[in-house]
Amino acid sequence: MELRPIRLHVAGDVTPEEKLLTQTPIQREELAKQILASVAWIYRYWLPYRQATSERTIVTTFQRDHPKIGRNDPCPCGSGKKYKKCCGITGILH
């Protein structure tokens, strides 16, 4: 199957040989009937690419081992300060 029926039905830049294929209403109707098969062919042609892309885009949700430390929570280093005033500034626990 090819894309010719779709292209001839909508394209304005056809060769003189291709223009002969669409001169009569019967010829245009035959081309219109072939469009459905062309669309099915396009769908089947791109199916492996769509499947490969969908497998690649499946992302698992990030799961933390420990609860996230909020900026106003006590610092886990034990200083008694808020996290944002202690280790939250540098990003390194001391």
PDB file of N, CA and C in Angstrom:
ATOM      1  N   MET A   1       0.862  -1.177   0.000  1.00  0.00           N
ATOM      2  CA  MET A   1       0.000   0.000   0.000  1.00  0.00           C
ATOM      3  C   MET A   1       0.900   1.229   0.000  1.00  0.00           C
ATOM      4  N   GLU A   2       0.409   2.284  -0.505  1.00  0.00           N
ATOM      5  CA  GLU A   2       1.184   3.506  -0.590  1.00  0.00           C
ATOM      6  C   GLU A   2       0.348   4.714  -0.174  1.00  0.00           C
ATOM      7  N   LEU A   3       0.989   5.851  -0.175  1.00  0.00           N
ATOM      8  CA  LEU A   3       0.324   7.082   0.238  1.00  0.00           C
ATOM      9  C   LEU A   3      -0.311   7.827  -0.928  1.00  0.00           C
ATOM     10  N   ARG A   4      -0.170   7.304  -2.130  1.00  0.00           N
ATOM     11  CA  ARG A   4      -0.665   8.005  -3.309  1.00  0.00           C
ATOM     12  C   ARG A   4      -2.145   8.390  -3.218  1.00  0.00           C
ATOM     13  N   PRO A   5      -3.051   7.502  -2.792  1.00  0.00           N
ATOM     14  CA  PRO A   5      -4.459   7.919  -2.744  1.00  0.00           C
ATOM     15  C   PRO A   5      -4.697   9.142  -1.858  1.00  0.00           C
ATOM     16  N   ILE A   6      -4.002   9.205  -0.747  1.00  0.00           N
ATOM     17  CA  ILE A   6      -4.170  10.354   0.153  1.00  0.00           C
ATOM     18  C   ILE A   6      -3.585  11.606  -0.489  1.00  0.00           C
ATOM     19  N   ARG A   7      -2.393  11.459  -1.035  1.00  0.00           N
ATOM     20  CA  ARG A   7      -1.711  12.606  -1.635  1.00  0.00           C
ATOM     21  C   ARG A   7      -2.476  13.151  -2.839  1.00  0.00           C
ATOM     22  N   LEU A   8      -2.979  12.266  -3.685  1.00  0.00           N
ATOM     23  CA  LEU A   8      -3.717  12.715  -4.864  1.00  0.00           C
ATOM     24  C   LEU A   8      -5.039  13.367  -4.484  1.00  0.00           C
ATOM     25  N   HIS A   9      -5.593  12.954  -3.388  1.00  0.00           N
ATOM     26  CA  HIS A   9      -6.890  13.489  -2.981  1.00  0.00           C
ATOM     27  C   HIS A   9      -6.779  14.915  -2.433  1.00  0.00           C
ATOM     28  N   VAL A  10      -5.645  15.243  -1.823  1.00  0.00           N
ATOM     29  CA  VAL A  10      -5.528  16.548  -1.168  1.00  0.00           C
ATOM     30  C   VAL A  10      -4.437  17.440  -1.736  1.00  0.00           C
ATOM     31  N   ALA A  11      -3.452  16.875  -2.437  1.00  0.00           N
ATOM     32  CA  ALA A  11      -2.304  17.667  -2.870  1.00  0.00           C
ATOM     33  C   ALA A  11      -2.616  18.432  -4.149  1.00  0.00           C
ATOM     34  N   GLY A  12      -2.070  19.610  -4.254  1.00  0.00           N
ATOM     35  CA  GLY A  12      -2.237  20.411  -5.450  1.00  0.00           C
ATOM     36  C   GLY A  12      -1.085  20.241  -6.420  1.00  0.00           C
ATOM     37  N   ASP A  13       0.046  19.746  -5.938  1.00  0.00           N
ATOM     38  CA  ASP A  13       1.229  19.607  -6.788  1.00  0.00           C
ATOM     39  C   ASP A  13       1.381  18.164  -7.268  1.00  0.00           C
ATOM     40  N   VAL A  14       0.579  17.784  -8.247  1.00  0.00           N
ATOM     41  CA  VAL A  14       0.633  16.439  -8.808  1.00  0.00           C
ATOM     42  C   VAL A  14       1.194  16.514 -10.216  1.00  0.00           C
ATOM     43  N   THR A  15       1.806  15.435 -10.641  1.00  0.00           N
ATOM     44  CA  THR A  15       2.366  15.375 -11.991  1.00  0.00           C
ATOM     45  C   THR A  15       1.231  15.218 -13.000  1.00  0.00           C
ATOM     46  N   PRO A  16       1.504  15.513 -14.263  1.00  0.00           N
ATOM     47  CA  PRO A  16       0.454  15.324 -15.280  1.00  0.00           C
ATOM     48  C   PRO A  16      -0.041  13.878 -15.353  1.00  0.00           C
ATOM     49  N   GLU A  17       0.841  12.913 -15.121  1.00  0.00           N
ATOM     50  CA  GLU A  17       0.426  11.508 -15.133  1.00  0.00           C
ATOM     51  C   GLU A  17      -0.526  11.215 -13.978  1.00  0.00           C
ATOM     52  N   GLU A  18      -0.227  11.798 -12.833  1.00  0.00           N
ATOM     53  CA  GLU A  18      -1.086  11.589 -11.667  1.00  0.00           C
ATOM     54  C   GLU A  18      -2.416  12.329 -11.821  1.00  0.00           C
ATOM     55  N   LYS A  19      -2.375  13.451 -12.520  1.00  0.00           N
ATOM     56  CA  LYS A  19      -3.609  14.210 -12.729  1.00  0.00           C
ATOM     57  C   LYS A  19      -4.606  13.401 -13.557  1.00  0.00           C
ATOM     58  N   LEU A  20      -4.096  12.548 -14.439  1.00  0.00           N
ATOM     59  CA  LEU A  20      -4.973  11.692 -15.241  1.00  0.00           C
ATOM     60  C   LEU A  20      -5.736  10.702 -14.368  1.00  0.00           C
ATOM     61  N   LEU A  21      -5.169  10.360 -13.195  1.00  0.00           N
ATOM     62  CA  LEU A  21      -5.814   9.397 -12.295  1.00  0.00           C
ATOM     63  C   LEU A  21      -7.011   9.993 -11.555  1.00  0.00           C
ATOM     64  N   THR A  22      -7.155  11.312 -11.605  1.00  0.00           N
ATOM     65  CA  THR A  22      -8.233  11.953 -10.838  1.00  0.00           C
ATOM     66  C   THR A  22      -9.154  12.800 -11.704  1.00  0.00           C
ATOM     67  N   GLN A  23      -9.211  12.518 -12.992  1.00  0.00           N
ATOM     68  CA  GLN A  23     -10.018  13.362 -13.879  1.00  0.00           C
ATOM     69  C   GLN A  23     -11.513  13.141 -13.721  1.00  0.00           C
ATOM     70  N   THR A  24     -11.948  11.910 -13.634  1.00  0.00           N
ATOM     71  CA  THR A  24     -13.390  11.644 -13.589  1.00  0.00           C
ATOM     72  C   THR A  24     -13.852  11.442 -12.151  1.00  0.00           C
ATOM     73  N   PRO A  25     -15.121  11.676 -11.891  1.00  0.00           N
ATOM     74  CA  PRO A  25     -15.644  11.430 -10.541  1.00  0.00           C
ATOM     75  C   PRO A  25     -15.495   9.968 -10.115  1.00  0.00           C
ATOM     76  N   ILE A  26     -15.585   9.047 -11.043  1.00  0.00           N
ATOM     77  CA  ILE A  26     -15.432   7.624 -10.707  1.00  0.00           C
ATOM     78  C   ILE A  26     -14.008   7.344 -10.246  1.00  0.00           C
ATOM     79  N   GLN A  27     -13.015   7.936 -10.934  1.00  0.00           N
ATOM     80  CA  GLN A  27     -11.619   7.748 -10.526  1.00  0.00           C
ATOM     81  C   GLN A  27     -11.378   8.345  -9.139  1.00  0.00           C
ATOM     82  N   ARG A  28     -11.942   9.514  -8.892  1.00  0.00           N
ATOM     83  CA  ARG A  28     -11.768  10.136  -7.572  1.00  0.00           C
ATOM     84  C   ARG A  28     -12.448   9.311  -6.485  1.00  0.00           C
ATOM     85  N   GLU A  29     -13.578   8.722  -6.807  1.00  0.00           N
ATOM     86  CA  GLU A  29     -14.275   7.874  -5.838  1.00  0.00           C
ATOM     87  C   GLU A  29     -13.462   6.618  -5.529  1.00  0.00           C
ATOM     88  N   GLU A  30     -12.833   6.039  -6.543  1.00  0.00           N
ATOM     89  CA  GLU A  30     -11.983   4.862  -6.322  1.00  0.00           C
ATOM     90  C   GLU A  30     -10.788   5.218  -5.432  1.00  0.00           C
ATOM     91  N   LEU A  31     -10.199   6.381  -5.673  1.00  0.00           N
ATOM     92  CA  LEU A  31      -9.092   6.823  -4.817  1.00  0.00           C
ATOM     93  C   LEU A  31      -9.571   7.049  -3.387  1.00  0.00           C
ATOM     94  N   ALA A  32     -10.748   7.612  -3.234  1.00  0.00           N
ATOM     95  CA  ALA A  32     -11.290   7.850  -1.894  1.00  0.00           C
ATOM     96  C   ALA A  32     -11.499   6.536  -1.157  1.00  0.00           C
ATOM     97  N   LYS A  33     -11.899   5.494  -1.865  1.00  0.00           N
ATOM     98  CA  LYS A  33     -12.080   4.183  -1.234  1.00  0.00           C
ATOM     99  C   LYS A  33     -10.744   3.596  -0.791  1.00  0.00           C
ATOM    100  N   GLN A  34      -9.667   3.925  -1.493  1.00  0.00           N
ATOM    101  CA  GLN A  34      -8.343   3.400  -1.147  1.00  0.00           C
ATOM    102  C   GLN A  34      -7.729   4.126   0.045  1.00  0.00           C
ATOM    103  N   ILE A  35      -8.263   5.272   0.398  1.00  0.00           N
ATOM    104  CA  ILE A  35      -7.703   6.052   1.506  1.00  0.00           C
ATOM    105  C   ILE A  35      -7.788   5.279   2.817  1.00  0.00           C
ATOM    106  N   LEU A  36      -8.886   4.594   3.060  1.00  0.00           N
ATOM    107  CA  LEU A  36      -9.036   3.832   4.302  1.00  0.00           C
ATOM    108  C   LEU A  36      -7.939   2.782   4.433  1.00  0.00           C
ATOM    109  N   ALA A  37      -7.645   2.075   3.339  1.00  0.00           N
ATOM    110  CA  ALA A  37      -6.573   1.074   3.371  1.00  0.00           C
ATOM    111  C   ALA A  37      -5.223   1.745   3.580  1.00  0.00           C
ATOM    112  N   SER A  38      -5.032   2.919   3.005  1.00  0.00           N
ATOM    113  CA  SER A  38      -3.770   3.642   3.183  1.00  0.00           C
ATOM    114  C   SER A  38      -3.580   4.070   4.634  1.00  0.00           C
ATOM    115  N   VAL A  39      -4.649   4.530   5.253  1.00  0.00           N
ATOM    116  CA  VAL A  39      -4.570   4.947   6.659  1.00  0.00           C
ATOM    117  C   VAL A  39      -4.251   3.746   7.544  1.00  0.00           C
ATOM    118  N   ALA A  40      -4.869   2.600   7.256  1.00  0.00           N
ATOM    119  CA  ALA A  40      -4.576   1.386   8.024  1.00  0.00           C
ATOM    120  C   ALA A  40      -3.124   0.978   7.831  1.00  0.00           C
ATOM    121  N   TRP A  41      -2.613   1.118   6.616  1.00  0.00           N
ATOM    122  CA  TRP A  41      -1.210   0.783   6.344  1.00  0.00           C
ATOM    123  C   TRP A  41      -0.288   1.710   7.141  1.00  0.00           C
ATOM    124  N   ILE A  42      -0.590   3.009   7.176  1.00  0.00           N
ATOM    125  CA  ILE A  42       0.219   3.967   7.939  1.00  0.00           C
ATOM    126  C   ILE A  42       0.208   3.599   9.422  1.00  0.00           C
ATOM    127  N   TYR A  43      -0.948   3.246   9.940  1.00  0.00           N
ATOM    128  CA  TYR A  43      -1.066   2.863  11.348  1.00  0.00           C
ATOM    129  C   TYR A  43      -0.185   1.652  11.644  1.00  0.00           C
ATOM    130  N   ARG A  44      -0.259   0.625  10.795  1.00  0.00           N
ATOM    131  CA  ARG A  44       0.553  -0.582  11.010  1.00  0.00           C
ATOM    132  C   ARG A  44       2.037  -0.292  10.838  1.00  0.00           C
ATOM    133  N   TYR A  45       2.393   0.583   9.906  1.00  0.00           N
ATOM    134  CA  TYR A  45       3.788   0.918   9.653  1.00  0.00           C
ATOM    135  C   TYR A  45       4.432   1.552  10.888  1.00  0.00           C
ATOM    136  N   TRP A  46       3.725   2.470  11.524  1.00  0.00           N
ATOM    137  CA  TRP A  46       4.286   3.205  12.661  1.00  0.00           C
ATOM    138  C   TRP A  46       4.058   2.517  14.002  1.00  0.00           C
ATOM    139  N   LEU A  47       3.345   1.400  14.046  1.00  0.00           N
ATOM    140  CA  LEU A  47       3.042   0.713  15.300  1.00  0.00           C
ATOM    141  C   LEU A  47       4.296   0.348  16.095  1.00  0.00           C
ATOM    142  N   PRO A  48       5.341  -0.253  15.486  1.00  0.00           N
ATOM    143  CA  PRO A  48       6.538  -0.572  16.286  1.00  0.00           C
ATOM    144  C   PRO A  48       7.189   0.662  16.900  1.00  0.00           C
ATOM    145  N   TYR A  49       7.176   1.774  16.189  1.00  0.00           N
ATOM    146  CA  TYR A  49       7.775   3.000  16.718  1.00  0.00           C
ATOM    147  C   TYR A  49       6.957   3.546  17.886  1.00  0.00           C
ATOM    148  N   ARG A  50       5.630   3.488  17.759  1.00  0.00           N
ATOM    149  CA  ARG A  50       4.777   3.952  18.858  1.00  0.00           C
ATOM    150  C   ARG A  50       4.953   3.074  20.087  1.00  0.00           C
ATOM    151  N   GLN A  51       5.064   1.759  19.885  1.00  0.00           N
ATOM    152  CA  GLN A  51       5.229   0.854  21.022  1.00  0.00           C
ATOM    153  C   GLN A  51       6.573   1.081  21.690  1.00  0.00           C
ATOM    154  N   ALA A  52       7.622   1.278  20.896  1.00  0.00           N
ATOM    155  CA  ALA A  52       8.947   1.521  21.468  1.00  0.00           C
ATOM    156  C   ALA A  52       8.961   2.821  22.257  1.00  0.00           C
ATOM    157  N   THR A  53       8.294   3.828  21.754  1.00  0.00           N
ATOM    158  CA  THR A  53       8.241   5.112  22.444  1.00  0.00           C
ATOM    159  C   THR A  53       7.447   5.007  23.733  1.00  0.00           C
ATOM    160  N   SER A  54       6.327   4.286  23.703  1.00  0.00           N
ATOM    161  CA  SER A  54       5.509   4.183  24.910  1.00  0.00           C
ATOM    162  C   SER A  54       6.227   3.388  25.988  1.00  0.00           C
ATOM    163  N   GLU A  55       7.017   2.387  25.604  1.00  0.00           N
ATOM    164  CA  GLU A  55       7.782   1.630  26.599  1.00  0.00           C
ATOM    165  C   GLU A  55       8.869   2.495  27.202  1.00  0.00           C
ATOM    166  N   ARG A  56       9.432   3.373  26.398  1.00  0.00           N
ATOM    167  CA  ARG A  56      10.517   4.210  26.863  1.00  0.00           C
ATOM    168  C   ARG A  56      10.028   5.322  27.776  1.00  0.00           C
ATOM    169  N   THR A  57       8.796   5.764  27.604  1.00  0.00           N
ATOM    170  CA  THR A  57       8.314   6.902  28.377  1.00  0.00           C
ATOM    171  C   THR A  57       7.655   6.510  29.693  1.00  0.00           C
ATOM    172  N   ILE A  58       7.545   5.222  29.985  1.00  0.00           N
ATOM    173  CA  ILE A  58       6.978   4.812  31.264  1.00  0.00           C
ATOM    174  C   ILE A  58       8.011   5.095  32.354  1.00  0.00           C
ATOM    175  N   VAL A  59       7.660   5.945  33.284  1.00  0.00           N
ATOM    176  CA  VAL A  59       8.574   6.363  34.338  1.00  0.00           C
ATOM    177  C   VAL A  59       7.967   5.964  35.670  1.00  0.00           C
ATOM    178  N   THR A  60       8.794   5.402  36.537  1.00  0.00           N
ATOM    179  CA  THR A  60       8.302   5.039  37.856  1.00  0.00           C
ATOM    180  C   THR A  60       8.364   6.265  38.773  1.00  0.00           C
ATOM    181  N   THR A  61       7.490   6.321  39.728  1.00  0.00           N
ATOM    182  CA  THR A  61       7.443   7.416  40.677  1.00  0.00           C
ATOM    183  C   THR A  61       8.604   7.300  41.652  1.00  0.00           C
ATOM    184  N   PHE A  62       9.236   8.430  41.933  1.00  0.00           N
ATOM    185  CA  PHE A  62      10.350   8.461  42.867  1.00  0.00           C
ATOM    186  C   PHE A  62       9.836   8.204  44.281  1.00  0.00           C
ATOM    187  N   GLN A  63      10.438   7.275  44.989  1.00  0.00           N
ATOM    188  CA  GLN A  63      10.060   6.952  46.364  1.00  0.00           C
ATOM    189  C   GLN A  63      11.234   7.289  47.289  1.00  0.00           C
ATOM    190  N   ARG A  64      10.978   8.091  48.300  1.00  0.00           N
ATOM    191  CA  ARG A  64      12.027   8.447  49.265  1.00  0.00           C
ATOM    192  C   ARG A  64      12.168   7.347  50.315  1.00  0.00           C
ATOM    193  N   ASP A  65      13.391   7.170  50.796  1.00  0.00           N
ATOM    194  CA  ASP A  65      13.637   6.213  51.873  1.00  0.00           C
ATOM    195  C   ASP A  65      13.171   6.786  53.213  1.00  0.00           C
ATOM    196  N   HIS A  66      13.328   8.089  53.382  1.00  0.00           N
ATOM    197  CA  HIS A  66      12.956   8.768  54.621  1.00  0.00           C
ATOM    198  C   HIS A  66      12.035   9.935  54.269  1.00  0.00           C
ATOM    199  N   PRO A  67      11.226  10.393  55.232  1.00  0.00           N
ATOM    200  CA  PRO A  67      10.367  11.546  54.942  1.00  0.00           C
ATOM    201  C   PRO A  67      11.204  12.786  54.617  1.00  0.00           C
ATOM    202  N   LYS A  68      10.687  13.626  53.758  1.00  0.00           N
ATOM    203  CA  LYS A  68      11.388  14.845  53.373  1.00  0.00           C
ATOM    204  C   LYS A  68      11.451  15.795  54.566  1.00  0.00           C
ATOM    205  N   ILE A  69      12.593  16.457  54.708  1.00  0.00           N
ATOM    206  CA  ILE A  69      12.773  17.423  55.793  1.00  0.00           C
ATOM    207  C   ILE A  69      12.235  18.765  55.314  1.00  0.00           C
ATOM    208  N   GLY A  70      11.282  19.315  56.038  1.00  0.00           N
ATOM    209  CA  GLY A  70      10.730  20.621  55.687  1.00  0.00           C
ATOM    210  C   GLY A  70      11.654  21.728  56.137  1.00  0.00           C
ATOM    211  N   ARG A  71      11.534  22.881  55.530  1.00  0.00           N
ATOM    212  CA  ARG A  71      12.404  24.006  55.879  1.00  0.00           C
ATOM    213  C   ARG A  71      12.234  24.436  57.334  1.00  0.00           C
ATOM    214  N   ASN A  72      11.036  24.315  57.885  1.00  0.00           N
ATOM    215  CA  ASN A  72      10.790  24.762  59.256  1.00  0.00           C
ATOM    216  C   ASN A  72      10.882  23.633  60.278  1.00  0.00           C
ATOM    217  N   ASP A  73      11.227  22.424  59.837  1.00  0.00           N
ATOM    218  CA  ASP A  73      11.402  21.303  60.765  1.00  0.00           C
ATOM    219  C   ASP A  73      12.725  21.455  61.505  1.00  0.00           C
ATOM    220  N   PRO A  74      12.839  20.824  62.692  1.00  0.00           N
ATOM    221  CA  PRO A  74      14.127  20.852  63.391  1.00  0.00           C
ATOM    222  C   PRO A  74      15.200  20.173  62.545  1.00  0.00           C
ATOM    223  N   CYS A  75      16.401  20.695  62.596  1.00  0.00           N
ATOM    224  CA  CYS A  75      17.500  20.155  61.796  1.00  0.00           C
ATOM    225  C   CYS A  75      17.856  18.753  62.293  1.00  0.00           C
ATOM    226  N   PRO A  76      18.052  17.796  61.399  1.00  0.00           N
ATOM    227  CA  PRO A  76      18.375  16.432  61.816  1.00  0.00           C
ATOM    228  C   PRO A  76      19.779  16.283  62.402  1.00  0.00           C
ATOM    229  N   CYS A  77      20.618  17.329  62.326  1.00  0.00           N
ATOM    230  CA  CYS A  77      21.963  17.217  62.892  1.00  0.00           C
ATOM    231  C   CYS A  77      21.934  17.318  64.412  1.00  0.00           C
ATOM    232  N   GLY A  78      20.790  17.775  64.978  1.00  0.00           N
ATOM    233  CA  GLY A  78      20.662  17.834  66.432  1.00  0.00           C
ATOM    234  C   GLY A  78      21.024  19.177  67.027  1.00  0.00           C
ATOM    235  N   SER A  79      21.240  20.203  66.234  1.00  0.00           N
ATOM    236  CA  SER A  79      21.630  21.515  66.751  1.00  0.00           C
ATOM    237  C   SER A  79      20.473  22.231  67.437  1.00  0.00           C
ATOM    238  N   GLY A  80      19.230  21.850  67.135  1.00  0.00           N
ATOM    239  CA  GLY A  80      18.066  22.506  67.713  1.00  0.00           C
ATOM    240  C   GLY A  80      17.563  23.664  66.866  1.00  0.00           C
ATOM    241  N   LYS A  81      18.314  24.053  65.847  1.00  0.00           N
ATOM    242  CA  LYS A  81      17.882  25.127  64.957  1.00  0.00           C
ATOM    243  C   LYS A  81      16.919  24.579  63.910  1.00  0.00           C
ATOM    244  N   LYS A  82      16.229  25.509  63.259  1.00  0.00           N
ATOM    245  CA  LYS A  82      15.412  25.092  62.123  1.00  0.00           C
ATOM    246  C   LYS A  82      16.350  24.665  60.995  1.00  0.00           C
ATOM    247  N   TYR A  83      15.859  23.743  60.195  1.00  0.00           N
ATOM    248  CA  TYR A  83      16.664  23.209  59.097  1.00  0.00           C
ATOM    249  C   TYR A  83      17.113  24.319  58.145  1.00  0.00           C
ATOM    250  N   LYS A  84      16.232  25.305  57.876  1.00  0.00           N
ATOM    251  CA  LYS A  84      16.573  26.362  56.926  1.00  0.00           C
ATOM    252  C   LYS A  84      17.669  27.294  57.460  1.00  0.00           C
ATOM    253  N   LYS A  85      17.850  27.334  58.797  1.00  0.00           N
ATOM    254  CA  LYS A  85      18.874  28.189  59.391  1.00  0.00           C
ATOM    255  C   LYS A  85      20.156  27.425  59.696  1.00  0.00           C
ATOM    256  N   CYS A  86      20.139  26.115  59.508  1.00  0.00           N
ATOM    257  CA  CYS A  86      21.304  25.301  59.862  1.00  0.00           C
ATOM    258  C   CYS A  86      21.858  24.621  58.606  1.00  0.00           C
ATOM    259  N   CYS A  87      21.539  23.370  58.448  1.00  0.00           N
ATOM    260  CA  CYS A  87      22.076  22.587  57.334  1.00  0.00           C
ATOM    261  C   CYS A  87      21.363  22.865  56.020  1.00  0.00           C
ATOM    262  N   GLY A  88      20.199  23.482  56.052  1.00  0.00           N
ATOM    263  CA  GLY A  88      19.470  23.789  54.829  1.00  0.00           C
ATOM    264  C   GLY A  88      20.129  24.868  53.998  1.00  0.00           C
ATOM    265  N   ILE A  89      20.991  25.655  54.628  1.00  0.00           N
ATOM    266  CA  ILE A  89      21.685  26.719  53.900  1.00  0.00           C
ATOM    267  C   ILE A  89      22.732  26.112  52.982  1.00  0.00           C
ATOM    268  N   THR A  90      23.520  25.203  53.498  1.00  0.00           N
ATOM    269  CA  THR A  90      24.611  24.629  52.712  1.00  0.00           C
ATOM    270  C   THR A  90      24.201  23.351  52.002  1.00  0.00           C
ATOM    271  N   GLY A  91      23.199  22.683  52.489  1.00  0.00           N
ATOM    272  CA  GLY A  91      22.792  21.416  51.889  1.00  0.00           C
ATOM    273  C   GLY A  91      23.605  20.242  52.398  1.00  0.00           C
ATOM    274  N   ILE A  92      24.520  20.489  53.353  1.00  0.00           N
ATOM    275  CA  ILE A  92      25.356  19.417  53.895  1.00  0.00           C
ATOM    276  C   ILE A  92      25.088  19.305  55.387  1.00  0.00           C
ATOM    277  N   LEU A  93      24.799  18.096  55.855  1.00  0.00           N
ATOM    278  CA  LEU A  93      24.618  17.894  57.293  1.00  0.00           C
ATOM    279  C   LEU A  93      25.980  17.897  57.967  1.00  0.00           C
ATOM    280  N   HIS A  94      26.074  18.563  59.134  1.00  0.00           N
ATOM    281  CA  HIS A  94      27.349  18.568  59.877  1.00  0.00           C
ATOM    282  C   HIS A  94      27.222  17.862  61.183  1.00  0.00           C
TER     283      HIS A  94
END
